[in-house]
C-alpha atoms as a PDB file:
ATOM      1  CA  MET A   1       0.094   0.150  -0.263  1.00  0.00           C
ATOM      2  CA  SER A   2       0.546   1.760  -0.165  1.00  0.00           C
ATOM      3  CA  PRO A   3       8.472  16.606  -0.884  1.00  0.00           C
ATOM      4  CA  ILE A   4      13.995  21.519   0.919  1.00  0.00           C
ATOM      5  CA  ILE A   5      17.116  23.344   0.919  1.00  0.00           C
ATOM      6  CA  HIS A   6      17.427  26.844   0.724  1.00  0.00           C
ATOM      7  CA  LEU A   7      19.217  28.032  -2.138  1.00  0.00           C
ATOM      8  CA  LEU A   8      21.413  31.332  -2.697  1.00  0.00           C
ATOM      9  CA  VAL A   9      19.491  34.295  -4.125  1.00  0.00           C
ATOM     10  CA  SER A  10      21.418  34.461  -7.244  1.00  0.00           C
ATOM     11  CA  PHE A  11      20.904  30.971  -7.717  1.00  0.00           C
ATOM     12  CA  VAL A  12      17.329  30.678  -7.578  1.00  0.00           C
ATOM     13  CA  ALA A  13      17.217  33.669 -10.077  1.00  0.00           C
ATOM     14  CA  ARG A  14      19.476  31.664 -12.460  1.00  0.00           C
ATOM     15  CA  LYS A  15      17.346  28.914 -12.353  1.00  0.00           C
ATOM     16  CA  THR A  16      14.008  30.644 -12.557  1.00  0.00           C
ATOM     17  CA  ARG A  17      15.513  32.357 -15.722  1.00  0.00           C
ATOM     18  CA  LEU A  18      16.087  29.134 -17.158  1.00  0.00           C
ATOM     19  CA  PHE A  19      13.336  27.344 -16.318  1.00  0.00           C
ATOM     20  CA  THR A  20      10.851  30.212 -17.895  1.00  0.00           C
ATOM     21  CA  SER A  21      13.094  30.491 -20.838  1.00  0.00           C
ATOM     22  CA  LEU A  22      12.994  26.430 -21.381  1.00  0.00           C
ATOM     23  CA  THR A  23       9.129  26.834 -20.753  1.00  0.00           C
ATOM     24  CA  MET A  24       8.799  29.229 -23.836  1.00  0.00           C
ATOM     25  CA  LEU A  25      10.892  26.897 -25.924  1.00  0.00           C
ATOM     26  CA  LEU A  26      10.232  23.454 -25.281  1.00  0.00           C
ATOM     27  CA  ILE A  27       7.599  21.434 -27.164  1.00  0.00           C
ATOM     28  CA  ALA A  28       7.201  17.526 -27.982  1.00  0.00           C
ATOM     29  CA  LEU A  29       4.713  17.717 -30.721  1.00  0.00           C
ATOM     30  CA  PRO A  30       3.881  20.105 -33.398  1.00  0.00           C
ATOM     31  CA  SER A  31       0.347  20.750 -32.579  1.00  0.00           C
ATOM     32  CA  ALA A  32      -0.980  23.484 -30.683  1.00  0.00           C
ATOM     33  CA  GLN A  33      -4.609  22.086 -29.532  1.00  0.00           C
ATOM     34  CA  ALA A  34      -5.174  22.458 -26.213  1.00  0.00           C
ATOM     35  CA  ALA A  35      -6.027  19.076 -24.110  1.00  0.00           C
ATOM     36  CA  ASN A  36      -9.708  18.556 -23.001  1.00  0.00           C
ATOM     37  CA  ILE A  37      -9.756  18.770 -19.196  1.00  0.00           C
ATOM     38  CA  TYR A  38     -12.816  17.823 -17.240  1.00  0.00           C
ATOM     39  CA  ILE A  39     -13.968  16.275 -14.032  1.00  0.00           C
ATOM     40  CA  SER A  40     -16.189  13.089 -13.966  1.00  0.00           C
ATOM     41  CA  GLY A  41     -17.994  11.692 -11.054  1.00  0.00           C
ATOM     42  CA  ASP A  42     -18.841  13.129  -7.652  1.00  0.00           C
ATOM     43  CA  SER A  43     -16.346  13.735  -4.547  1.00  0.00           C
ATOM     44  CA  PRO A  44     -14.948  12.282  -2.996  1.00  0.00           C
ATOM     45  CA  PHE A  45     -14.230   9.755  -6.046  1.00  0.00           C
ATOM     46  CA  SER A  46     -14.184  12.150  -8.971  1.00  0.00           C
ATOM     47  CA  GLU A  47     -11.840  11.935 -11.814  1.00  0.00           C
ATOM     48  CA  LEU A  48      -9.829  14.425 -13.405  1.00  0.00           C
ATOM     49  CA  HIS A  49      -9.442  13.759 -17.318  1.00  0.00           C
ATOM     50  CA  ILE A  50      -6.682  15.147 -19.354  1.00  0.00           C
ATOM     51  CA  ASP A  51      -7.290  13.828 -22.942  1.00  0.00           C
ATOM     52  CA  GLY A  52      -5.300  15.107 -26.092  1.00  0.00           C
ATOM     53  CA  GLU A  53      -2.037  17.163 -26.314  1.00  0.00           C
ATOM     54  CA  ILE A  54      -0.589  19.069 -23.471  1.00  0.00           C
ATOM     55  CA  VAL A  55       0.089  22.244 -24.179  1.00  0.00           C
ATOM     56  CA  LYS A  56       1.045  25.889 -22.695  1.00  0.00           C
ATOM     57  CA  HIS A  57      -1.518  27.063 -20.099  1.00  0.00           C
ATOM     58  CA  ASP A  58      -2.880  23.686 -19.471  1.00  0.00           C
ATOM     59  CA  TYR A  59      -1.685  23.533 -16.114  1.00  0.00           C
ATOM     60  CA  THR A  60      -3.833  27.163 -15.095  1.00  0.00           C
ATOM     61  CA  ARG A  61      -6.671  25.646 -17.140  1.00  0.00           C
ATOM     62  CA  MET A  62      -6.339  22.282 -14.808  1.00  0.00           C
ATOM     63  CA  ILE A  63      -6.289  24.469 -11.532  1.00  0.00           C
ATOM     64  CA  ASN A  64      -9.762  26.478 -12.976  1.00  0.00           C
ATOM     65  CA  VAL A  65     -11.456  23.184 -13.423  1.00  0.00           C
ATOM     66  CA  ILE A  66     -10.469  22.026 -10.133  1.00  0.00           C
ATOM     67  CA  ASN A  67     -11.648  25.241  -8.673  1.00  0.00           C
ATOM     68  CA  ARG A  68     -14.862  25.095 -10.360  1.00  0.00           C
ATOM     69  CA  HIS A  69     -15.250  21.588  -8.847  1.00  0.00           C
ATOM     70  CA  ARG A  70     -14.422  22.793  -5.475  1.00  0.00           C
ATOM     71  CA  ASP A  71     -12.503  19.397  -4.218  1.00  0.00           C
ATOM     72  CA  ILE A  72      -9.311  17.738  -5.461  1.00  0.00           C
ATOM     73  CA  PRO A  73     -10.282  14.744  -7.642  1.00  0.00           C
ATOM     74  CA  TYR A  74      -9.655  10.814  -6.278  1.00  0.00           C
ATOM     75  CA  MET A  75      -8.226   9.886  -9.573  1.00  0.00           C
ATOM     76  CA  LEU A  76      -5.878  11.715 -12.539  1.00  0.00           C
ATOM     77  CA  SER A  77      -7.019   9.979 -15.904  1.00  0.00           C
ATOM     78  CA  LEU A  78      -4.666  10.486 -18.729  1.00  0.00           C
ATOM     79  CA  ASN A  79      -4.839   9.776 -22.341  1.00  0.00           C
ATOM     80  CA  SER A  80      -2.101  11.738 -24.188  1.00  0.00           C
ATOM     81  CA  LYS A  81       0.554  11.415 -27.069  1.00  0.00           C
ATOM     82  CA  GLY A  82       2.367  14.058 -25.047  1.00  0.00           C
ATOM     83  CA  GLY A  83       3.313  17.725 -25.412  1.00  0.00           C
ATOM     84  CA  ASN A  84       4.505  20.597 -23.334  1.00  0.00           C
ATOM     85  CA  VAL A  85       7.183  19.156 -20.971  1.00  0.00           C
ATOM     86  CA  MET A  86       7.001  21.995 -18.431  1.00  0.00           C
ATOM     87  CA  GLU A  87       3.729  22.251 -18.397  1.00  0.00           C
ATOM     88  CA  SER A  88       3.235  18.320 -17.667  1.00  0.00           C
ATOM     89  CA  ILE A  89       6.057  18.701 -14.978  1.00  0.00           C
ATOM     90  CA  ARG A  90       3.783  21.286 -13.568  1.00  0.00           C
ATOM     91  CA  ILE A  91       0.982  19.169 -13.480  1.00  0.00           C
ATOM     92  CA  GLY A  92       2.707  16.098 -12.503  1.00  0.00           C
ATOM     93  CA  SER A  93       4.277  18.299  -9.219  1.00  0.00           C
ATOM     94  CA  PHE A  94       0.634  19.261  -8.304  1.00  0.00           C
ATOM     95  CA  ALA A  95      -0.719  15.615  -8.620  1.00  0.00           C
ATOM     96  CA  ARG A  96       2.238  14.761  -6.262  1.00  0.00           C
ATOM     97  CA  LYS A  97       1.519  17.473  -3.794  1.00  0.00           C
ATOM     98  CA  TYR A  98      -2.017  16.517  -3.420  1.00  0.00           C
ATOM     99  CA  LEU A  99      -1.552  12.588  -3.572  1.00  0.00           C
ATOM    100  CA  MET A 100      -3.571  12.107  -6.532  1.00  0.00           C
ATOM    101  CA  ARG A 101      -3.669   8.514  -8.206  1.00  0.00           C
ATOM    102  CA  PHE A 102      -3.352   7.780 -11.730  1.00  0.00           C
ATOM    103  CA  GLU A 103      -4.876   5.628 -14.410  1.00  0.00           C
ATOM    104  CA  SER A 104      -4.176   5.776 -18.436  1.00  0.00           C
ATOM    105  CA  LYS A 105      -5.347   4.847 -21.816  1.00  0.00           C
ATOM    106  CA  LYS A 106      -2.495   6.356 -23.555  1.00  0.00           C
ATOM    107  CA  CYS A 107       0.428   8.101 -21.752  1.00  0.00           C
ATOM    108  CA  ASN A 108       3.289   9.048 -24.365  1.00  0.00           C
ATOM    109  CA  SER A 109       6.459  11.356 -24.406  1.00  0.00           C
ATOM    110  CA  ALA A 110       5.903  14.198 -21.874  1.00  0.00           C
ATOM    111  CA  CYS A 111       2.848  12.558 -20.196  1.00  0.00           C
ATOM    112  CA  LEU A 112       5.142  10.339 -18.601  1.00  0.00           C
ATOM    113  CA  PHE A 113       6.342  13.440 -16.696  1.00  0.00           C
ATOM    114  CA  ILE A 114       2.554  13.720 -15.248  1.00  0.00           C
ATOM    115  CA  MET A 115       2.499   9.757 -14.462  1.00  0.00           C
ATOM    116  CA  LEU A 116       5.463   9.871 -12.327  1.00  0.00           C
ATOM    117  CA  GLY A 117       3.969  12.470 -10.241  1.00  0.00           C
ATOM    118  CA  SER A 118       1.355  10.479  -9.056  1.00  0.00           C
ATOM    119  CA  MET A 119       1.188   8.480  -6.006  1.00  0.00           C
ATOM    120  CA  TYR A 120      -0.323   5.436  -7.222  1.00  0.00           C
ATOM    121  CA  ARG A 121      -0.378   3.767 -10.739  1.00  0.00           C
ATOM    122  CA  SER A 122      -3.165   1.763 -11.946  1.00  0.00           C
ATOM    123  CA  GLU A 123      -3.199   0.666 -15.577  1.00  0.00           C
ATOM    124  CA  SER A 124      -4.004  -2.120 -17.500  1.00  0.00           C
ATOM    125  CA  LYS A 125      -1.171  -5.166 -17.890  1.00  0.00           C
ATOM    126  CA  THR A 126      -1.604  -4.448 -21.514  1.00  0.00           C
ATOM    127  CA  ALA A 127      -0.773  -0.505 -21.146  1.00  0.00           C
ATOM    128  CA  GLU A 128       2.198   0.791 -22.910  1.00  0.00           C
ATOM    129  CA  PHE A 129       4.152   4.058 -22.483  1.00  0.00           C
ATOM    130  CA  GLY A 130       5.837   5.589 -25.144  1.00  0.00           C
ATOM    131  CA  ILE A 131       9.355   7.621 -24.286  1.00  0.00           C
ATOM    132  CA  HIS A 132      11.969   9.726 -26.275  1.00  0.00           C
ATOM    133  CA  ARG A 133      14.320  12.540 -25.156  1.00  0.00           C
ATOM    134  CA  PRO A 134      12.221  16.013 -25.322  1.00  0.00           C
ATOM    135  CA  LYS A 135      13.354  18.911 -27.835  1.00  0.00           C
ATOM    136  CA  PHE A 136      13.231  22.339 -28.463  1.00  0.00           C
ATOM    137  CA  LYS A 137      11.373  24.191 -31.197  1.00  0.00           C
ATOM    138  CA  ARG A 138      12.905  23.299 -34.416  1.00  0.00           C
ATOM    139  CA  GLU A 139      12.996  27.403 -35.423  1.00  0.00           C
ATOM    140  CA  PHE A 140      14.747  27.863 -32.445  1.00  0.00           C
ATOM    141  CA  PHE A 141      17.354  24.898 -32.068  1.00  0.00           C
ATOM    142  CA  ALA A 142      18.176  25.124 -35.461  1.00  0.00           C
ATOM    143  CA  ASN A 143      19.562  28.650 -35.151  1.00  0.00           C
ATOM    144  CA  LEU A 144      22.048  27.703 -32.518  1.00  0.00           C
ATOM    145  CA  THR A 145      25.511  26.915 -32.948  1.00  0.00           C
ATOM    146  CA  ALA A 146      26.539  23.383 -31.932  1.00  0.00           C
ATOM    147  CA  GLN A 147      28.183  24.623 -28.602  1.00  0.00           C
ATOM    148  CA  GLU A 148      25.168  26.423 -27.836  1.00  0.00           C
ATOM    149  CA  ALA A 149      22.855  23.521 -28.767  1.00  0.00           C
ATOM    150  CA  THR A 150      24.766  21.338 -26.522  1.00  0.00           C
ATOM    151  CA  ASN A 151      24.799  23.612 -23.507  1.00  0.00           C
ATOM    152  CA  LYS A 152      20.986  24.299 -23.864  1.00  0.00           C
ATOM    153  CA  TYR A 153      20.214  20.649 -24.105  1.00  0.00           C
ATOM    154  CA  LYS A 154      22.354  20.075 -21.102  1.00  0.00           C
ATOM    155  CA  SER A 155      20.365  22.445 -18.892  1.00  0.00           C
ATOM    156  CA  LEU A 156      17.205  20.739 -20.243  1.00  0.00           C
ATOM    157  CA  ARG A 157      18.368  17.250 -19.229  1.00  0.00           C
ATOM    158  CA  ASN A 158      19.540  18.424 -15.806  1.00  0.00           C
ATOM    159  CA  ILE A 159      16.132  19.976 -14.891  1.00  0.00           C
ATOM    160  CA  VAL A 160      14.279  16.799 -16.338  1.00  0.00           C
ATOM    161  CA  GLU A 161      16.346  14.363 -14.838  1.00  0.00           C
ATOM    162  CA  ALA A 162      16.232  15.932 -11.409  1.00  0.00           C
ATOM    163  CA  TYR A 163      12.399  16.046 -11.654  1.00  0.00           C
ATOM    164  CA  MET A 164      12.110  12.089 -12.854  1.00  0.00           C
ATOM    165  CA  LEU A 165      14.602  11.026 -10.295  1.00  0.00           C
ATOM    166  CA  ARG A 166      12.858  13.190  -7.401  1.00  0.00           C
ATOM    167  CA  MET A 167       9.798  11.493  -8.325  1.00  0.00           C
ATOM    168  CA  GLY A 168      10.752   8.133  -8.149  1.00  0.00           C
ATOM    169  CA  ALA A 169      12.153   7.218 -11.591  1.00  0.00           C
ATOM    170  CA  LYS A 170      15.148   4.809 -11.414  1.00  0.00           C
ATOM    171  CA  GLN A 171      18.369   5.913 -13.468  1.00  0.00           C
ATOM    172  CA  GLN A 172      17.576   3.279 -15.910  1.00  0.00           C
ATOM    173  CA  LEU A 173      14.497   5.039 -16.827  1.00  0.00           C
ATOM    174  CA  VAL A 174      15.918   8.527 -17.334  1.00  0.00           C
ATOM    175  CA  ASP A 175      18.937   7.097 -19.435  1.00  0.00           C
ATOM    176  CA  ASP A 176      16.234   4.991 -21.752  1.00  0.00           C
ATOM    177  CA  MET A 177      14.189   7.930 -22.503  1.00  0.00           C
ATOM    178  CA  PHE A 178      17.350  10.162 -23.145  1.00  0.00           C
ATOM    179  CA  ALA A 179      18.745   7.580 -25.343  1.00  0.00           C
ATOM    180  CA  VAL A 180      15.550   7.646 -27.572  1.00  0.00           C
ATOM    181  CA  PRO A 181      15.894  10.694 -30.443  1.00  0.00           C
ATOM    182  CA  SER A 182      13.058  12.994 -30.177  1.00  0.00           C
ATOM    183  CA  ASN A 183      11.529  11.930 -33.761  1.00  0.00           C
ATOM    184  CA  ASN A 184      11.379   8.124 -32.367  1.00  0.00           C
ATOM    185  CA  MET A 185       9.637   6.333 -29.743  1.00  0.00           C
ATOM    186  CA  LYS A 186      10.198   3.232 -27.561  1.00  0.00           C
ATOM    187  CA  PHE A 187       7.163   1.829 -25.891  1.00  0.00           C
ATOM    188  CA  ILE A 188       7.587   0.056 -22.390  1.00  0.00           C
ATOM    189  CA  LYS A 189       5.033  -2.063 -21.307  1.00  0.00           C
ATOM    190  CA  SER A 190       3.232  -1.670 -18.051  1.00  0.00           C
ATOM    191  CA  LYS A 191       4.876  -4.468 -16.441  1.00  0.00           C
ATOM    192  CA  ASN A 192       8.149  -3.654 -17.352  1.00  0.00           C
ATOM    193  CA  MET A 193       7.605   0.232 -16.461  1.00  0.00           C
ATOM    194  CA  ALA A 194       7.007  -1.009 -12.951  1.00  0.00           C
ATOM    195  CA  THR A 195      10.479  -2.333 -12.569  1.00  0.00           C
ATOM    196  CA  LEU A 196      12.018   1.456 -13.587  1.00  0.00           C
ATOM    197  CA  LEU A 197      10.104   2.848 -10.789  1.00  0.00           C
ATOM    198  CA  ASN A 198      10.973   2.897  -7.104  1.00  0.00           C
ATOM    199  CA  THR A 199       8.474   2.441  -4.341  1.00  0.00           C
ATOM    200  CA  GLN A 200       6.996   5.082  -2.738  1.00  0.00           C
ATOM    201  CA  SER A 201       8.912   7.461  -0.880  1.00  0.00           C
ATOM    202  CA  GLU A 202      10.123   6.451   2.500  1.00  0.00           C
ATOM    203  CA  GLY A 203       8.656   9.427   4.288  1.00  0.00           C
ATOM    204  CA  TYR A 204       5.163   8.977   2.588  1.00  0.00           C
ATOM    205  CA  SER A 205       5.210   5.258   3.736  1.00  0.00           C
ATOM    206  CA  GLU A 206       6.091   6.005   7.445  1.00  0.00           C
ATOM    207  CA  TRP A 207       3.912   8.611   7.653  1.00  0.00           C
ATOM    208  CA  ILE A 208       1.018   6.065   6.398  1.00  0.00           C
ATOM    209  CA  ILE A 209       2.368   3.262   8.823  1.00  0.00           C
ATOM    210  CA  SER A 210       2.184   6.064  11.909  1.00  0.00           C
ATOM    211  CA  LYS A 211      -1.271   6.923  11.041  1.00  0.00           C
ATOM    212  CA  CYS A 212      -2.821   3.397  10.016  1.00  0.00           C
ATOM    213  CA  GLY A 213      -0.298   0.934  11.804  1.00  0.00           C
ATOM    214  CA  ASP A 214       1.303  -1.938  10.093  1.00  0.00           C
ATOM    215  CA  ASP A 215       0.172  -3.317   6.717  1.00  0.00           C
ATOM    216  CA  LEU A 216       0.719  -6.811   5.577  1.00  0.00           C
ATOM    217  CA  ASN A 217       3.989  -8.211   5.347  1.00  0.00           C
ATOM    218  CA  PRO A 218       5.425  -9.702   1.992  1.00  0.00           C
ATOM    219  CA  LYS A 219       4.530 -13.229   2.915  1.00  0.00           C
ATOM    220  CA  GLN A 220       0.891 -12.142   3.878  1.00  0.00           C
ATOM    221  CA  HIS A 221       0.388 -10.176   0.961  1.00  0.00           C
ATOM    222  CA  HIS A 222       1.550 -13.152  -1.325  1.00  0.00           C
ATOM    223  CA  ASP A 223      -0.930 -15.614   0.588  1.00  0.00           C
ATOM    224  CA  LEU A 224      -3.708 -13.058   0.187  1.00  0.00           C
ATOM    225  CA  MET A 225      -3.254 -12.921  -3.730  1.00  0.00           C
ATOM    226  CA  ALA A 226      -3.318 -16.480  -3.829  1.00  0.00           C
ATOM    227  CA  PHE A 227      -6.553 -16.553  -1.643  1.00  0.00           C
ATOM    228  CA  TYR A 228      -7.868 -14.035  -4.097  1.00  0.00           C
ATOM    229  CA  LYS A 229      -6.986 -16.485  -7.076  1.00  0.00           C
ATOM    230  CA  ASN A 230      -8.649 -19.570  -5.341  1.00  0.00           C
ATOM    231  CA  ARG A 231     -11.695 -18.591  -3.544  1.00  0.00           C
ATOM    232  CA  SER A 232     -12.085 -21.992  -2.662  1.00  0.00           C
ATOM    233  CA  LEU A 233     -10.152 -21.122   0.197  1.00  0.00           C
ATOM    234  CA  GLN A 234     -12.872 -19.072   1.525  1.00  0.00           C
ATOM    235  CA  GLY A 235     -13.742 -19.705   5.374  1.00  0.00           C
ATOM    236  CA  ASN A 236     -10.424 -20.220   6.168  1.00  0.00           C
ATOM    237  CA  SER A 237      -9.664 -18.170   9.339  1.00  0.00           C
ATOM    238  CA  TYR A 238      -6.218 -17.030   8.251  1.00  0.00           C
ATOM    239  CA  PHE A 239      -7.127 -15.739   4.766  1.00  0.00           C
ATOM    240  CA  GLU A 240     -10.380 -13.862   6.080  1.00  0.00           C
ATOM    241  CA  TYR A 241      -7.829 -12.430   8.648  1.00  0.00           C
ATOM    242  CA  LEU A 242      -5.579 -11.205   5.830  1.00  0.00           C
ATOM    243  CA  ASP A 243      -8.445 -10.012   3.871  1.00  0.00           C
ATOM    244  CA  SER A 244      -9.839  -8.013   6.531  1.00  0.00           C
ATOM    245  CA  LYS A 245      -6.829  -6.290   7.819  1.00  0.00           C
ATOM    246  CA  SER A 246      -6.031  -5.546   4.136  1.00  0.00           C
ATOM    247  CA  THR A 247      -9.120  -3.912   3.617  1.00  0.00           C
ATOM    248  CA  GLN A 248      -8.966  -1.861   6.997  1.00  0.00           C
ATOM    249  CA  TYR A 249      -5.516  -0.625   5.949  1.00  0.00           C
ATOM    250  CA  PHE A 250      -6.873   0.245   2.532  1.00  0.00           C
ATOM    251  CA  HIS A 251      -9.680   2.078   4.170  1.00  0.00           C
ATOM    252  CA  CYS A 252      -7.484   3.806   6.662  1.00  0.00           C
ATOM    253  CA  GLU A 253      -4.870   5.093   4.027  1.00  0.00           C
ATOM    254  CA  LEU A 254      -8.000   6.611   1.937  1.00  0.00           C
ATOM    255  CA  GLU A 255      -8.963   8.485   4.634  1.00  0.00           C
ATOM    256  CA  VAL A 256      -5.890   9.743   5.616  1.00  0.00           C
ATOM    257  CA  VAL A 257      -4.898  10.844   2.371  1.00  0.00           C
ATOM    258  CA  ARG A 258      -8.431  12.283   1.822  1.00  0.00           C
ATOM    259  CA  MET A 259      -7.838  14.596   4.931  1.00  0.00           C
ATOM    260  CA  GLU A 260      -4.703  15.496   3.799  1.00  0.00           C
ATOM    261  CA  GLN A 261      -6.001  16.686   0.300  1.00  0.00           C
ATOM    262  CA  VAL A 262      -8.839  18.624   2.119  1.00  0.00           C
ATOM    263  CA  ARG A 263      -6.315  20.174   4.320  1.00  0.00           C
ATOM    264  CA  LEU A 264      -4.048  21.387   1.640  1.00  0.00           C
ATOM    265  CA  PHE A 265      -7.075  22.463  -0.842  1.00  0.00           C
ATOM    266  CA  ASN A 266      -8.293  24.780   2.059  1.00  0.00           C
ATOM    267  CA  ASN A 267      -4.843  26.223   2.775  1.00  0.00           C
ATOM    268  CA  ASP A 268      -4.184  26.752  -0.739  1.00  0.00           C
ATOM    269  CA  ALA A 269      -4.600  30.364  -1.875  1.00  0.00           C
ATOM    270  CA  ARG A 270      -5.879  29.239  -5.430  1.00  0.00           C
ATOM    271  CA  PHE A 271      -8.960  27.495  -4.263  1.00  0.00           C
ATOM    272  CA  ASN A 272      -9.622  30.174  -1.718  1.00  0.00           C
ATOM    273  CA  VAL A 273      -9.855  33.328  -3.959  1.00  0.00           C
ATOM    274  CA  GLN A 274     -12.389  34.094  -6.967  1.00  0.00           C
ATOM    275  CA  GLN A 275     -12.160  31.426  -9.707  1.00  0.00           C
ATOM    276  CA  LEU A 276      -9.066  32.288 -11.557  1.00  0.00           C
ATOM    277  CA  GLY A 277      -9.600  33.578 -15.245  1.00  0.00           C
ATOM    278  CA  ALA A 278      -9.198  31.350 -18.180  1.00  0.00           C
ATOM    279  CA  ASN A 279      -6.123  31.583 -20.280  1.00  0.00           C
END
């Protein structure tokens, strides 16, 4: 079951300028049609849907949708071929702060950065993730010298890699992604993607344990999975104990996460003022 160090002012200023510059120049796909962002279902189990390419201002559009809903959605449902890298990182960071769950129909390219921000990933066994290294707008990058291009891309990789590792990606996933040219795509099946991601952060895990006590240990979890596959074991007191303990822990974690989402929402100035204007 299942984020800082104070930097020098000048360093922050340089990073801020660089991030802003990259935000203006980065793109993963040529189209500029914004994603369809909407919420379905009722609280507390509503779903935030992001369907289509992720473009500039989609993060603000998402905040506006949530503000109108007046609640944090339980699930983040993605169906996207990718898009703007920095916008996706903003959305992914929001998902991590608000402990949102994730499921996908399609999640390629920059969409991966949103997936990495989620606390729980729930996709079908047949789901695939398309990865390749991000790129700058061609008209910008083509006008740079070779050295300028090298320096710009190094700065980009530093930002993207730091984000991915902070969100739980293993170095192997980072290296695999940057090894694929931007005009190509490598697809990773769901079961293989799981091996390229670390488990939940130690801090989050210990926070849940402090709230809910102990979950099943690995052997008990293995036994419970066997029970679910063989219902003829129903009535066995050991398996009923495991099922009850797992269910109680799951419900406790849901309640703890929900209370934290409500606390964050109520203390977020963006959601305590009049609705943000649309972009």
